[in-house]
């Protein structure tokens, strides 16, 4: 059960887009200037070191830094208002957003405002964080200027103390992995998952709890990130897994194993993409938002993924 068709469609889409844009460049009526997203991180080892937590100042600024740090590692404080799954920010940004090649916040802060292809506009840092709440937290984003959002921004600002502005640094984002020559295979990934991942995330992908506290996050099901989150893309998950998983053993999996286990994880159901609420059909949602290395709208094991109206616990914005 090799996963190649959507990658092929994506490649064809890029080719067609290039043809269209080339023609548009010669059209005097064209006003759009489609850009690429943030540049990839430079190669090489990360050399920037964020300040130690002991250096947080004892003043109002420091109080907001600490509040942002606490929300980052325990985002479940916002459960039922802005978070509607079992995730915390620190699940995807390890070591409280400090770890290189785990999308660290010190490397992200100075890159915004920046264009994002996901919503085709220039995003502020606040808007980028709000997007994480919408998708990774299957939630409703805090309002601009709210204490929670300002606290998170302040924490990122402090982590970036001494970092350059508007300059991509080594260690930003996740390490890029080339697609394996033979594609990736969720059936092979199932074996990797059983051997390397299930001990923390459970054979059912539900993660683990100690009492009421989720200590290892769910990877599929209602408690996981939804179908709109960046981590549901196989390439994004593979890059994260390669550099960071199993926990405490980074770079221990082969590239192929990282791709395969990412495919296995993301070939399971999860809460609906919230953008589906405004689309006429699954097909339209897939065509508009999912022309990438993911399984949304694909048939897996006799089931078409995403063909449901289950938004998890998220009640919607009320719009």
C-alpha atoms as a PDB file:
ATOM      1  CA  UNK A   1       0.000   0.000   0.000  1.00  0.00           C
ATOM      2  CA  UNK A   2       2.506   2.576  -1.154  1.00  0.00           C
ATOM      3  CA  UNK A   3       1.574   6.243  -1.020  1.00  0.00           C
ATOM      4  CA  UNK A   4       2.542   7.860  -4.303  1.00  0.00           C
ATOM      5  CA  UNK A   5      -0.588   9.179  -6.080  1.00  0.00           C
ATOM      6  CA  UNK A   6      -1.029  12.425  -4.127  1.00  0.00           C
ATOM      7  CA  UNK A   7       2.662  13.263  -4.453  1.00  0.00           C
ATOM      8  CA  UNK A   8       2.297  12.771  -8.181  1.00  0.00           C
ATOM      9  CA  UNK A   9      -0.767  15.031  -8.215  1.00  0.00           C
ATOM     10  CA  UNK A  10       1.169  17.615  -6.228  1.00  0.00           C
ATOM     11  CA  UNK A  11       4.062  17.494  -8.683  1.00  0.00           C
ATOM     12  CA  UNK A  12       1.676  17.914 -11.585  1.00  0.00           C
ATOM     13  CA  UNK A  13      -0.029  20.775  -9.755  1.00  0.00           C
ATOM     14  CA  UNK A  14       3.281  22.545  -9.296  1.00  0.00           C
ATOM     15  CA  UNK A  15       4.080  22.114 -12.982  1.00  0.00           C
ATOM     16  CA  UNK A  16       0.719  23.530 -13.983  1.00  0.00           C
ATOM     17  CA  UNK A  17       1.097  26.373 -11.484  1.00  0.00           C
ATOM     18  CA  UNK A  18       4.480  27.240 -12.945  1.00  0.00           C
ATOM     19  CA  UNK A  19       2.994  27.338 -16.431  1.00  0.00           C
ATOM     20  CA  UNK A  20       0.119  29.496 -15.222  1.00  0.00           C
ATOM     21  CA  UNK A  21       2.393  31.877 -13.353  1.00  0.00           C
ATOM     22  CA  UNK A  22       4.747  32.167 -16.310  1.00  0.00           C
ATOM     23  CA  UNK A  23       1.838  33.145 -18.504  1.00  0.00           C
ATOM     24  CA  UNK A  24       0.493  35.496 -15.861  1.00  0.00           C
ATOM     25  CA  UNK A  25       3.851  37.243 -15.587  1.00  0.00           C
ATOM     26  CA  UNK A  26       3.357  38.393 -19.167  1.00  0.00           C
ATOM     27  CA  UNK A  27      -0.223  39.491 -18.562  1.00  0.00           C
ATOM     28  CA  UNK A  28      -0.391  43.226 -17.757  1.00  0.00           C
ATOM     29  CA  UNK A  29      -3.690  42.624 -15.931  1.00  0.00           C
ATOM     30  CA  UNK A  30      -2.055  40.334 -13.376  1.00  0.00           C
ATOM     31  CA  UNK A  31      -1.776  41.892  -9.921  1.00  0.00           C
ATOM     32  CA  UNK A  32      -0.997  38.838  -7.784  1.00  0.00           C
ATOM     33  CA  UNK A  33       2.555  38.097  -6.752  1.00  0.00           C
ATOM     34  CA  UNK A  34       2.542  34.607  -5.281  1.00  0.00           C
ATOM     35  CA  UNK A  35       5.478  34.152  -2.987  1.00  0.00           C
ATOM     36  CA  UNK A  36       7.268  31.238  -1.447  1.00  0.00           C
ATOM     37  CA  UNK A  37       6.875  30.738   2.315  1.00  0.00           C
ATOM     38  CA  UNK A  38       9.685  31.370   4.780  1.00  0.00           C
ATOM     39  CA  UNK A  39      13.089  30.304   3.463  1.00  0.00           C
ATOM     40  CA  UNK A  40      14.433  26.978   4.735  1.00  0.00           C
ATOM     41  CA  UNK A  41      16.840  27.032   7.622  1.00  0.00           C
ATOM     42  CA  UNK A  42      20.508  27.155   6.608  1.00  0.00           C
ATOM     43  CA  UNK A  43      22.365  23.877   6.909  1.00  0.00           C
ATOM     44  CA  UNK A  44      24.767  23.297   9.744  1.00  0.00           C
ATOM     45  CA  UNK A  45      24.560  22.956  13.489  1.00  0.00           C
ATOM     46  CA  UNK A  46      22.503  25.438  15.486  1.00  0.00           C
ATOM     47  CA  UNK A  47      24.798  27.773  17.374  1.00  0.00           C
ATOM     48  CA  UNK A  48      22.308  30.176  18.959  1.00  0.00           C
ATOM     49  CA  UNK A  49      21.545  29.515  22.600  1.00  0.00           C
ATOM     50  CA  UNK A  50      18.431  31.021  24.187  1.00  0.00           C
ATOM     51  CA  UNK A  51      18.841  32.476  27.680  1.00  0.00           C
ATOM     52  CA  UNK A  52      18.450  30.263  30.729  1.00  0.00           C
ATOM     53  CA  UNK A  53      15.170  30.382  32.605  1.00  0.00           C
ATOM     54  CA  UNK A  54      17.083  31.598  35.649  1.00  0.00           C
ATOM     55  CA  UNK A  55      17.759  34.785  33.669  1.00  0.00           C
ATOM     56  CA  UNK A  56      14.075  35.742  33.394  1.00  0.00           C
ATOM     57  CA  UNK A  57      13.927  39.184  35.022  1.00  0.00           C
ATOM     58  CA  UNK A  58      11.962  39.815  38.179  1.00  0.00           C
ATOM     59  CA  UNK A  59       9.689  42.527  36.815  1.00  0.00           C
ATOM     60  CA  UNK A  60       6.433  42.879  34.854  1.00  0.00           C
ATOM     61  CA  UNK A  61       8.086  41.759  31.648  1.00  0.00           C
ATOM     62  CA  UNK A  62       9.475  38.697  33.401  1.00  0.00           C
ATOM     63  CA  UNK A  63       6.066  37.923  34.872  1.00  0.00           C
ATOM     64  CA  UNK A  64       4.596  37.833  31.356  1.00  0.00           C
ATOM     65  CA  UNK A  65       7.510  35.697  30.109  1.00  0.00           C
ATOM     66  CA  UNK A  66       6.825  33.167  32.860  1.00  0.00           C
ATOM     67  CA  UNK A  67       3.116  33.165  32.100  1.00  0.00           C
ATOM     68  CA  UNK A  68       3.853  32.501  28.436  1.00  0.00           C
ATOM     69  CA  UNK A  69       6.289  29.724  29.319  1.00  0.00           C
ATOM     70  CA  UNK A  70       3.712  28.091  31.582  1.00  0.00           C
ATOM     71  CA  UNK A  71       1.044  28.258  28.866  1.00  0.00           C
ATOM     72  CA  UNK A  72       3.471  26.861  26.320  1.00  0.00           C
ATOM     73  CA  UNK A  73       4.283  23.745  28.330  1.00  0.00           C
ATOM     74  CA  UNK A  74       0.764  23.343  29.756  1.00  0.00           C
ATOM     75  CA  UNK A  75      -1.569  24.698  27.094  1.00  0.00           C
ATOM     76  CA  UNK A  76      -4.291  22.535  28.630  1.00  0.00           C
ATOM     77  CA  UNK A  77      -4.815  25.486  30.995  1.00  0.00           C
ATOM     78  CA  UNK A  78      -6.870  26.865  28.099  1.00  0.00           C
ATOM     79  CA  UNK A  79      -8.876  23.660  27.642  1.00  0.00           C
ATOM     80  CA  UNK A  80     -12.522  24.318  26.848  1.00  0.00           C
ATOM     81  CA  UNK A  81     -11.945  27.919  25.780  1.00  0.00           C
ATOM     82  CA  UNK A  82      -9.117  27.829  23.232  1.00  0.00           C
ATOM     83  CA  UNK A  83      -7.941  24.200  23.293  1.00  0.00           C
ATOM     84  CA  UNK A  84     -10.234  21.283  22.445  1.00  0.00           C
ATOM     85  CA  UNK A  85      -7.873  18.315  22.281  1.00  0.00           C
ATOM     86  CA  UNK A  86      -5.125  16.764  24.417  1.00  0.00           C
ATOM     87  CA  UNK A  87      -2.188  18.732  23.006  1.00  0.00           C
ATOM     88  CA  UNK A  88       0.312  21.224  24.401  1.00  0.00           C
ATOM     89  CA  UNK A  89       2.544  23.563  22.397  1.00  0.00           C
ATOM     90  CA  UNK A  90       5.586  21.761  23.767  1.00  0.00           C
ATOM     91  CA  UNK A  91       4.523  18.480  22.128  1.00  0.00           C
ATOM     92  CA  UNK A  92       5.758  19.704  18.741  1.00  0.00           C
ATOM     93  CA  UNK A  93       8.279  22.283  20.024  1.00  0.00           C
ATOM     94  CA  UNK A  94      10.360  20.289  22.489  1.00  0.00           C
ATOM     95  CA  UNK A  95      12.168  21.534  25.584  1.00  0.00           C
ATOM     96  CA  UNK A  96       9.651  24.345  26.052  1.00  0.00           C
ATOM     97  CA  UNK A  97      10.350  25.685  22.567  1.00  0.00           C
ATOM     98  CA  UNK A  98      14.124  25.740  23.027  1.00  0.00           C
ATOM     99  CA  UNK A  99      15.307  22.675  21.099  1.00  0.00           C
ATOM    100  CA  UNK A 100      16.929  23.172  17.700  1.00  0.00           C
ATOM    101  CA  UNK A 101      15.322  21.288  14.786  1.00  0.00           C
ATOM    102  CA  UNK A 102      12.120  21.066  16.779  1.00  0.00           C
ATOM    103  CA  UNK A 103      10.729  24.350  15.417  1.00  0.00           C
ATOM    104  CA  UNK A 104      12.217  26.387  18.301  1.00  0.00           C
ATOM    105  CA  UNK A 105      10.560  29.662  19.173  1.00  0.00           C
ATOM    106  CA  UNK A 106      13.812  31.617  19.325  1.00  0.00           C
ATOM    107  CA  UNK A 107      14.305  30.940  15.624  1.00  0.00           C
ATOM    108  CA  UNK A 108      10.703  31.713  14.676  1.00  0.00           C
ATOM    109  CA  UNK A 109      10.262  35.006  16.516  1.00  0.00           C
ATOM    110  CA  UNK A 110      12.448  37.184  14.295  1.00  0.00           C
ATOM    111  CA  UNK A 111      11.009  35.809  11.041  1.00  0.00           C
ATOM    112  CA  UNK A 112       7.567  37.392  11.402  1.00  0.00           C
ATOM    113  CA  UNK A 113       5.709  39.170   9.873  1.00  0.00           C
ATOM    114  CA  UNK A 114       6.046  36.733   6.969  1.00  0.00           C
ATOM    115  CA  UNK A 115       4.049  35.445   4.045  1.00  0.00           C
ATOM    116  CA  UNK A 116       2.354  32.056   4.514  1.00  0.00           C
ATOM    117  CA  UNK A 117       1.076  30.077   1.581  1.00  0.00           C
ATOM    118  CA  UNK A 118      -1.405  28.316   3.871  1.00  0.00           C
ATOM    119  CA  UNK A 119      -3.623  31.396   4.039  1.00  0.00           C
ATOM    120  CA  UNK A 120      -1.995  33.388   1.191  1.00  0.00           C
ATOM    121  CA  UNK A 121      -1.198  36.518   3.157  1.00  0.00           C
ATOM    122  CA  UNK A 122       1.457  38.101   5.332  1.00  0.00           C
ATOM    123  CA  UNK A 123       0.984  36.875   8.888  1.00  0.00           C
ATOM    124  CA  UNK A 124       2.037  38.531  12.107  1.00  0.00           C
ATOM    125  CA  UNK A 125       3.482  36.361  14.843  1.00  0.00           C
ATOM    126  CA  UNK A 126       0.153  36.624  16.662  1.00  0.00           C
ATOM    127  CA  UNK A 127      -1.693  35.294  13.609  1.00  0.00           C
ATOM    128  CA  UNK A 128       0.779  32.446  13.300  1.00  0.00           C
ATOM    129  CA  UNK A 129       0.162  31.448  16.911  1.00  0.00           C
ATOM    130  CA  UNK A 130      -3.589  31.741  16.398  1.00  0.00           C
ATOM    131  CA  UNK A 131      -3.285  29.313  13.505  1.00  0.00           C
ATOM    132  CA  UNK A 132      -1.643  26.781  15.797  1.00  0.00           C
ATOM    133  CA  UNK A 133      -4.627  26.988  18.117  1.00  0.00           C
ATOM    134  CA  UNK A 134      -7.022  26.498  15.214  1.00  0.00           C
ATOM    135  CA  UNK A 135      -5.306  23.398  13.851  1.00  0.00           C
ATOM    136  CA  UNK A 136      -2.775  21.810  16.194  1.00  0.00           C
ATOM    137  CA  UNK A 137      -4.958  22.437  19.258  1.00  0.00           C
ATOM    138  CA  UNK A 138      -8.192  21.826  17.323  1.00  0.00           C
ATOM    139  CA  UNK A 139      -9.247  24.997  19.033  1.00  0.00           C
ATOM    140  CA  UNK A 140     -10.535  28.535  18.901  1.00  0.00           C
ATOM    141  CA  UNK A 141      -7.645  31.029  18.856  1.00  0.00           C
ATOM    142  CA  UNK A 142      -7.216  33.626  21.600  1.00  0.00           C
ATOM    143  CA  UNK A 143      -8.162  37.104  20.453  1.00  0.00           C
ATOM    144  CA  UNK A 144      -5.470  39.500  19.329  1.00  0.00           C
ATOM    145  CA  UNK A 145      -4.249  41.447  22.346  1.00  0.00           C
ATOM    146  CA  UNK A 146      -5.583  38.916  24.860  1.00  0.00           C
ATOM    147  CA  UNK A 147      -3.388  38.167  27.846  1.00  0.00           C
ATOM    148  CA  UNK A 148      -2.761  34.565  26.780  1.00  0.00           C
ATOM    149  CA  UNK A 149      -1.647  35.524  23.293  1.00  0.00           C
ATOM    150  CA  UNK A 150       0.517  38.406  24.510  1.00  0.00           C
ATOM    151  CA  UNK A 151       2.104  36.111  27.107  1.00  0.00           C
ATOM    152  CA  UNK A 152       3.087  33.575  24.448  1.00  0.00           C
ATOM    153  CA  UNK A 153       4.500  36.306  22.207  1.00  0.00           C
ATOM    154  CA  UNK A 154       6.442  37.715  25.154  1.00  0.00           C
ATOM    155  CA  UNK A 155       7.901  34.322  25.961  1.00  0.00           C
ATOM    156  CA  UNK A 156       9.057  33.911  22.359  1.00  0.00           C
ATOM    157  CA  UNK A 157      10.518  37.426  22.423  1.00  0.00           C
ATOM    158  CA  UNK A 158      12.538  36.568  25.526  1.00  0.00           C
ATOM    159  CA  UNK A 159      13.742  33.243  24.061  1.00  0.00           C
ATOM    160  CA  UNK A 160      15.026  35.196  21.039  1.00  0.00           C
ATOM    161  CA  UNK A 161      17.114  37.576  23.157  1.00  0.00           C
ATOM    162  CA  UNK A 162      20.214  38.322  21.091  1.00  0.00           C
ATOM    163  CA  UNK A 163      18.974  36.526  17.975  1.00  0.00           C
ATOM    164  CA  UNK A 164      19.055  38.280  14.569  1.00  0.00           C
ATOM    165  CA  UNK A 165      15.850  39.656  13.094  1.00  0.00           C
ATOM    166  CA  UNK A 166      14.616  38.685   9.634  1.00  0.00           C
ATOM    167  CA  UNK A 167      17.380  36.121   9.238  1.00  0.00           C
ATOM    168  CA  UNK A 168      16.843  32.364   9.087  1.00  0.00           C
ATOM    169  CA  UNK A 169      19.087  30.530  11.524  1.00  0.00           C
ATOM    170  CA  UNK A 170      20.309  26.929  11.565  1.00  0.00           C
ATOM    171  CA  UNK A 171      17.979  24.830  13.661  1.00  0.00           C
ATOM    172  CA  UNK A 172      14.790  26.679  12.681  1.00  0.00           C
ATOM    173  CA  UNK A 173      11.833  24.475  11.828  1.00  0.00           C
ATOM    174  CA  UNK A 174      12.330  20.755  11.295  1.00  0.00           C
ATOM    175  CA  UNK A 175      15.197  19.152   9.409  1.00  0.00           C
ATOM    176  CA  UNK A 176      14.258  18.615   5.754  1.00  0.00           C
ATOM    177  CA  UNK A 177      14.094  15.011   4.543  1.00  0.00           C
ATOM    178  CA  UNK A 178      14.057  13.958   0.928  1.00  0.00           C
ATOM    179  CA  UNK A 179      11.222  11.624  -0.031  1.00  0.00           C
ATOM    180  CA  UNK A 180      12.497   8.031  -0.204  1.00  0.00           C
ATOM    181  CA  UNK A 181      13.055   6.854  -3.752  1.00  0.00           C
ATOM    182  CA  UNK A 182      10.498   4.074  -3.360  1.00  0.00           C
ATOM    183  CA  UNK A 183       7.913   6.230  -1.638  1.00  0.00           C
ATOM    184  CA  UNK A 184       6.682   5.674   1.889  1.00  0.00           C
ATOM    185  CA  UNK A 185       4.561   2.853   3.239  1.00  0.00           C
ATOM    186  CA  UNK A 186       2.215   3.000   6.248  1.00  0.00           C
ATOM    187  CA  UNK A 187       2.231  -0.794   6.483  1.00  0.00           C
ATOM    188  CA  UNK A 188       5.987  -0.768   7.075  1.00  0.00           C
ATOM    189  CA  UNK A 189       5.394   2.185   9.387  1.00  0.00           C
ATOM    190  CA  UNK A 190       3.032   0.107  11.521  1.00  0.00           C
ATOM    191  CA  UNK A 191       5.949  -2.137  12.472  1.00  0.00           C
ATOM    192  CA  UNK A 192       8.187   0.833  13.254  1.00  0.00           C
ATOM    193  CA  UNK A 193       5.409   2.329  15.365  1.00  0.00           C
ATOM    194  CA  UNK A 194       4.918  -0.892  17.336  1.00  0.00           C
ATOM    195  CA  UNK A 195       8.644  -1.160  18.032  1.00  0.00           C
ATOM    196  CA  UNK A 196       9.546   2.488  18.639  1.00  0.00           C
ATOM    197  CA  UNK A 197       6.460   4.593  19.400  1.00  0.00           C
ATOM    198  CA  UNK A 198       3.706   2.558  21.037  1.00  0.00           C
ATOM    199  CA  UNK A 199       5.499   2.432  24.390  1.00  0.00           C
ATOM    200  CA  UNK A 200       4.771   6.169  24.818  1.00  0.00           C
ATOM    201  CA  UNK A 201       1.865   6.883  22.484  1.00  0.00           C
ATOM    202  CA  UNK A 202      -0.042   3.619  22.928  1.00  0.00           C
ATOM    203  CA  UNK A 203      -0.959   0.945  20.425  1.00  0.00           C
ATOM    204  CA  UNK A 204      -4.202   2.856  19.785  1.00  0.00           C
ATOM    205  CA  UNK A 205      -2.438   6.207  19.294  1.00  0.00           C
ATOM    206  CA  UNK A 206      -4.200   7.713  22.320  1.00  0.00           C
ATOM    207  CA  UNK A 207      -1.020   8.613  24.195  1.00  0.00           C
ATOM    208  CA  UNK A 208      -0.672   8.141  27.937  1.00  0.00           C
ATOM    209  CA  UNK A 209      -2.075   9.844  30.996  1.00  0.00           C
ATOM    210  CA  UNK A 210      -0.947   9.993  34.589  1.00  0.00           C
ATOM    211  CA  UNK A 211      -4.131  10.637  36.491  1.00  0.00           C
ATOM    212  CA  UNK A 212      -5.894  13.383  34.557  1.00  0.00           C
ATOM    213  CA  UNK A 213      -2.692  14.738  33.016  1.00  0.00           C
ATOM    214  CA  UNK A 214      -1.767  13.786  29.463  1.00  0.00           C
ATOM    215  CA  UNK A 215       1.968  13.078  29.558  1.00  0.00           C
ATOM    216  CA  UNK A 216       2.365  11.702  26.014  1.00  0.00           C
ATOM    217  CA  UNK A 217       0.081  13.195  23.370  1.00  0.00           C
ATOM    218  CA  UNK A 218      -2.424  11.332  21.187  1.00  0.00           C
ATOM    219  CA  UNK A 219      -1.349  10.972  17.565  1.00  0.00           C
ATOM    220  CA  UNK A 220      -4.768  10.229  16.086  1.00  0.00           C
ATOM    221  CA  UNK A 221      -8.373  10.246  17.226  1.00  0.00           C
ATOM    222  CA  UNK A 222     -10.305  13.091  18.856  1.00  0.00           C
ATOM    223  CA  UNK A 223      -7.435  14.079  21.151  1.00  0.00           C
ATOM    224  CA  UNK A 224      -4.977  14.634  18.304  1.00  0.00           C
ATOM    225  CA  UNK A 225      -4.229  17.535  15.956  1.00  0.00           C
ATOM    226  CA  UNK A 226      -6.892  17.952  13.298  1.00  0.00           C
ATOM    227  CA  UNK A 227      -6.793  17.452   9.526  1.00  0.00           C
ATOM    228  CA  UNK A 228      -5.715  21.065   9.006  1.00  0.00           C
ATOM    229  CA  UNK A 229      -2.603  20.939  11.206  1.00  0.00           C
ATOM    230  CA  UNK A 230       0.789  21.017   9.560  1.00  0.00           C
ATOM    231  CA  UNK A 231       1.786  17.828  11.379  1.00  0.00           C
ATOM    232  CA  UNK A 232      -0.784  15.794   9.432  1.00  0.00           C
ATOM    233  CA  UNK A 233       1.447  16.255   6.376  1.00  0.00           C
ATOM    234  CA  UNK A 234       3.622  13.195   6.066  1.00  0.00           C
ATOM    235  CA  UNK A 235       6.727  15.202   5.143  1.00  0.00           C
ATOM    236  CA  UNK A 236       6.377  17.511   8.173  1.00  0.00           C
ATOM    237  CA  UNK A 237       5.802  14.633  10.578  1.00  0.00           C
ATOM    238  CA  UNK A 238       8.693  12.652   9.078  1.00  0.00           C
ATOM    239  CA  UNK A 239      11.089  15.573   9.544  1.00  0.00           C
ATOM    240  CA  UNK A 240       9.978  16.070  13.150  1.00  0.00           C
ATOM    241  CA  UNK A 241      10.242  12.362  13.910  1.00  0.00           C
ATOM    242  CA  UNK A 242      13.703  12.023  12.350  1.00  0.00           C
ATOM    243  CA  UNK A 243      15.221  14.820  14.440  1.00  0.00           C
ATOM    244  CA  UNK A 244      13.322  14.276  17.685  1.00  0.00           C
ATOM    245  CA  UNK A 245      11.847  10.799  18.083  1.00  0.00           C
ATOM    246  CA  UNK A 246      11.855   8.415  19.839  1.00  0.00           C
ATOM    247  CA  UNK A 247      12.107  10.851  22.713  1.00  0.00           C
ATOM    248  CA  UNK A 248      15.696  11.090  23.876  1.00  0.00           C
ATOM    249  CA  UNK A 249      17.000   9.227  20.803  1.00  0.00           C
ATOM    250  CA  UNK A 250      17.089  11.814  17.987  1.00  0.00           C
ATOM    251  CA  UNK A 251      18.325  10.711  14.552  1.00  0.00           C
ATOM    252  CA  UNK A 252      18.178   7.046  15.596  1.00  0.00           C
ATOM    253  CA  UNK A 253      15.615   6.114  12.914  1.00  0.00           C
ATOM    254  CA  UNK A 254      16.563   5.773   9.286  1.00  0.00           C
ATOM    255  CA  UNK A 255      15.067   8.298   6.873  1.00  0.00           C
ATOM    256  CA  UNK A 256      12.835   5.580   5.426  1.00  0.00           C
ATOM    257  CA  UNK A 257      11.605   4.533   8.870  1.00  0.00           C
ATOM    258  CA  UNK A 258      10.802   8.165   9.741  1.00  0.00           C
ATOM    259  CA  UNK A 259       8.759   8.559   6.541  1.00  0.00           C
ATOM    260  CA  UNK A 260       7.018   5.219   6.985  1.00  0.00           C
ATOM    261  CA  UNK A 261       5.993   5.783  10.601  1.00  0.00           C
ATOM    262  CA  UNK A 262       4.824   9.310   9.766  1.00  0.00           C
ATOM    263  CA  UNK A 263       2.676   7.799   7.020  1.00  0.00           C
ATOM    264  CA  UNK A 264       1.272   5.217   9.430  1.00  0.00           C
ATOM    265  CA  UNK A 265       0.383   7.825  12.045  1.00  0.00           C
ATOM    266  CA  UNK A 266      -1.224  10.175   9.548  1.00  0.00           C
ATOM    267  CA  UNK A 267      -3.212   7.472   7.791  1.00  0.00           C
ATOM    268  CA  UNK A 268      -5.554   7.398  10.809  1.00  0.00           C
ATOM    269  CA  UNK A 269      -8.656   9.483  11.405  1.00  0.00           C
ATOM    270  CA  UNK A 270      -8.583  12.694  13.388  1.00  0.00           C
ATOM    271  CA  UNK A 271     -10.876  15.709  13.886  1.00  0.00           C
ATOM    272  CA  UNK A 272     -12.136  17.323  10.694  1.00  0.00           C
ATOM    273  CA  UNK A 273     -10.249  20.205   9.070  1.00  0.00           C
ATOM    274  CA  UNK A 274     -12.095  23.285  10.428  1.00  0.00           C
ATOM    275  CA  UNK A 275     -11.972  24.846   6.961  1.00  0.00           C
ATOM    276  CA  UNK A 276     -14.394  22.124   5.891  1.00  0.00           C
ATOM    277  CA  UNK A 277     -17.177  24.054   7.651  1.00  0.00           C
ATOM    278  CA  UNK A 278     -17.090  26.642   4.879  1.00  0.00           C
ATOM    279  CA  UNK A 279     -16.640  24.258   1.942  1.00  0.00           C
ATOM    280  CA  UNK A 280     -19.347  22.587  -0.120  1.00  0.00           C
ATOM    281  CA  UNK A 281     -17.852  19.108  -0.057  1.00  0.00           C
ATOM    282  CA  UNK A 282     -14.992  16.897   1.025  1.00  0.00           C
ATOM    283  CA  UNK A 283     -13.736  16.942  -2.545  1.00  0.00           C
ATOM    284  CA  UNK A 284     -13.623  20.739  -2.590  1.00  0.00           C
ATOM    285  CA  UNK A 285     -11.801  20.816   0.748  1.00  0.00           C
ATOM    286  CA  UNK A 286      -9.294  18.252  -0.458  1.00  0.00           C
ATOM    287  CA  UNK A 287      -8.750  20.042  -3.757  1.00  0.00           C
ATOM    288  CA  UNK A 288      -8.360  23.469  -2.148  1.00  0.00           C
ATOM    289  CA  UNK A 289      -6.294  22.728   0.935  1.00  0.00           C
ATOM    290  CA  UNK A 290      -4.766  19.269   0.691  1.00  0.00           C
ATOM    291  CA  UNK A 291      -2.666  18.994  -2.445  1.00  0.00           C
ATOM    292  CA  UNK A 292       0.373  17.828  -0.503  1.00  0.00           C
ATOM    293  CA  UNK A 293       1.814  14.697   1.080  1.00  0.00           C
ATOM    294  CA  UNK A 294      -1.146  13.762   3.243  1.00  0.00           C
ATOM    295  CA  UNK A 295      -3.977  11.252   3.367  1.00  0.00           C
ATOM    296  CA  UNK A 296      -6.965  13.558   3.672  1.00  0.00           C
ATOM    297  CA  UNK A 297      -9.672  12.425   1.245  1.00  0.00           C
ATOM    298  CA  UNK A 298      -7.821   9.191   0.419  1.00  0.00           C
ATOM    299  CA  UNK A 299      -9.156   5.662   0.780  1.00  0.00           C
ATOM    300  CA  UNK A 300      -7.217   3.765   3.437  1.00  0.00           C
ATOM    301  CA  UNK A 301      -8.306   0.307   4.537  1.00  0.00           C
ATOM    302  CA  UNK A 302     -11.697   0.718   2.893  1.00  0.00           C
ATOM    303  CA  UNK A 303     -12.388   4.055   4.594  1.00  0.00           C
ATOM    304  CA  UNK A 304     -12.174   7.488   3.041  1.00  0.00           C
ATOM    305  CA  UNK A 305     -10.292   9.638   5.520  1.00  0.00           C
ATOM    306  CA  UNK A 306     -11.908  12.950   6.400  1.00  0.00           C
ATOM    307  CA  UNK A 307     -15.320  11.836   5.180  1.00  0.00           C
ATOM    308  CA  UNK A 308     -17.131  12.822   8.378  1.00  0.00           C
ATOM    309  CA  UNK A 309     -18.425  15.816  10.319  1.00  0.00           C
ATOM    310  CA  UNK A 310     -16.559  15.020  13.542  1.00  0.00           C
ATOM    311  CA  UNK A 311     -14.794  18.180  14.708  1.00  0.00           C
ATOM    312  CA  UNK A 312     -13.812  16.600  18.014  1.00  0.00           C
ATOM    313  CA  UNK A 313     -14.759  18.687  21.030  1.00  0.00           C
ATOM    314  CA  UNK A 314     -14.482  21.959  19.098  1.00  0.00           C
ATOM    315  CA  UNK A 315     -17.926  23.603  19.054  1.00  0.00           C
ATOM    316  CA  UNK A 316     -16.986  26.018  16.265  1.00  0.00           C
ATOM    317  CA  UNK A 317     -16.651  29.780  16.423  1.00  0.00           C
ATOM    318  CA  UNK A 318     -20.376  30.409  16.253  1.00  0.00           C
ATOM    319  CA  UNK A 319     -20.071  32.236  12.925  1.00  0.00           C
END
